[in-house]
Amino acid sequence: MNPTSDFITQLEETPRLRSAASLRSLSRIREALEAMPEQSALDEPVCISLQDALVVMSQLMARLR
């Protein structure tokens, strides 16, 4: 199993980890967005970590199920 799949599996199997990871990821994403100039274009790219993207993606997919 690769590290990405292992991380997603841990998120799905451990509610406390999922909860803590979600709060940390959303905080980091919010910081990245707040660091952007207010006049930025809506399609301006924002760099986030793969881990943060995986946490948000897994939360969204869980809500769609």
Protein backbone atom coordinates (compact mmCIF):
# COMPACT_ATOMS: atom_id res chain seq x y z
CA MET A 1 0.00 0.00 0.00
CA ASN A 2 1.39 3.43 -0.87
CA PRO A 3 1.53 6.28 1.71
CA THR A 4 -1.40 8.14 0.12
CA SER A 5 -3.71 5.12 0.25
CA ASP A 6 -2.56 4.34 3.77
CA PHE A 7 -3.33 7.90 4.91
CA ILE A 8 -6.82 7.82 3.35
CA THR A 9 -7.52 4.44 4.96
CA GLN A 10 -6.47 5.80 8.37
CA LEU A 11 -8.74 8.81 7.91
CA GLU A 12 -11.69 6.57 7.05
CA GLU A 13 -11.08 4.17 9.95
CA THR A 14 -10.22 6.64 12.72
CA PRO A 15 -12.86 9.31 13.44
CA ARG A 16 -10.64 11.19 15.92
CA LEU A 17 -7.82 11.40 13.39
CA ARG A 18 -10.25 12.53 10.70
CA SER A 19 -11.65 15.23 12.97
CA ALA A 20 -8.26 16.56 14.05
CA ALA A 21 -6.85 16.40 10.52
CA SER A 22 -9.88 18.27 9.16
CA LEU A 23 -9.49 21.12 11.63
CA ARG A 24 -5.75 21.44 10.96
CA SER A 25 -6.19 21.24 7.19
CA LEU A 26 -8.99 23.80 7.10
CA SER A 27 -6.91 26.14 9.28
CA ARG A 28 -3.93 25.88 6.93
CA ILE A 29 -6.14 26.37 3.85
CA ARG A 30 -7.75 29.41 5.47
CA GLU A 31 -4.30 30.88 6.25
CA ALA A 32 -3.25 30.36 2.63
CA LEU A 33 -6.40 32.09 1.38
CA GLU A 34 -6.04 34.98 3.82
CA ALA A 35 -2.46 35.50 2.65
CA MET A 36 -3.75 36.22 -0.86
CA PRO A 37 -4.22 39.87 -1.80
CA GLU A 38 -7.84 40.95 -1.52
CA GLN A 39 -7.94 41.97 -5.17
CA SER A 40 -6.79 38.55 -6.46
CA ALA A 41 -8.65 37.00 -9.34
CA LEU A 42 -11.02 34.18 -8.43
CA ASP A 43 -9.03 31.76 -10.59
CA GLU A 44 -5.70 32.66 -8.94
CA PRO A 45 -3.98 29.43 -7.82
CA VAL A 46 -3.38 28.76 -4.12
CA CYS A 47 -0.81 26.16 -3.06
CA ILE A 48 -1.93 23.65 -0.45
CA SER A 49 -0.29 20.41 0.62
CA LEU A 50 -1.32 17.07 -0.81
CA GLN A 51 -2.22 15.95 2.71
CA ASP A 52 -4.63 18.87 3.15
CA ALA A 53 -6.19 18.18 -0.24
CA LEU A 54 -6.66 14.50 0.67
CA VAL A 55 -8.32 15.38 3.98
CA VAL A 56 -10.77 17.78 2.35
CA MET A 57 -11.43 15.38 -0.52
CA SER A 58 -12.16 12.48 1.82
CA GLN A 59 -14.56 14.64 3.85
CA LEU A 60 -16.42 15.73 0.72
CA MET A 61 -16.62 12.19 -0.64
CA ALA A 62 -17.94 10.90 2.70
CA ARG A 63 -20.73 13.50 2.63
CA LEU A 64 -21.71 12.47 -0.91
CA ARG A 65 -22.16 8.82 0.07
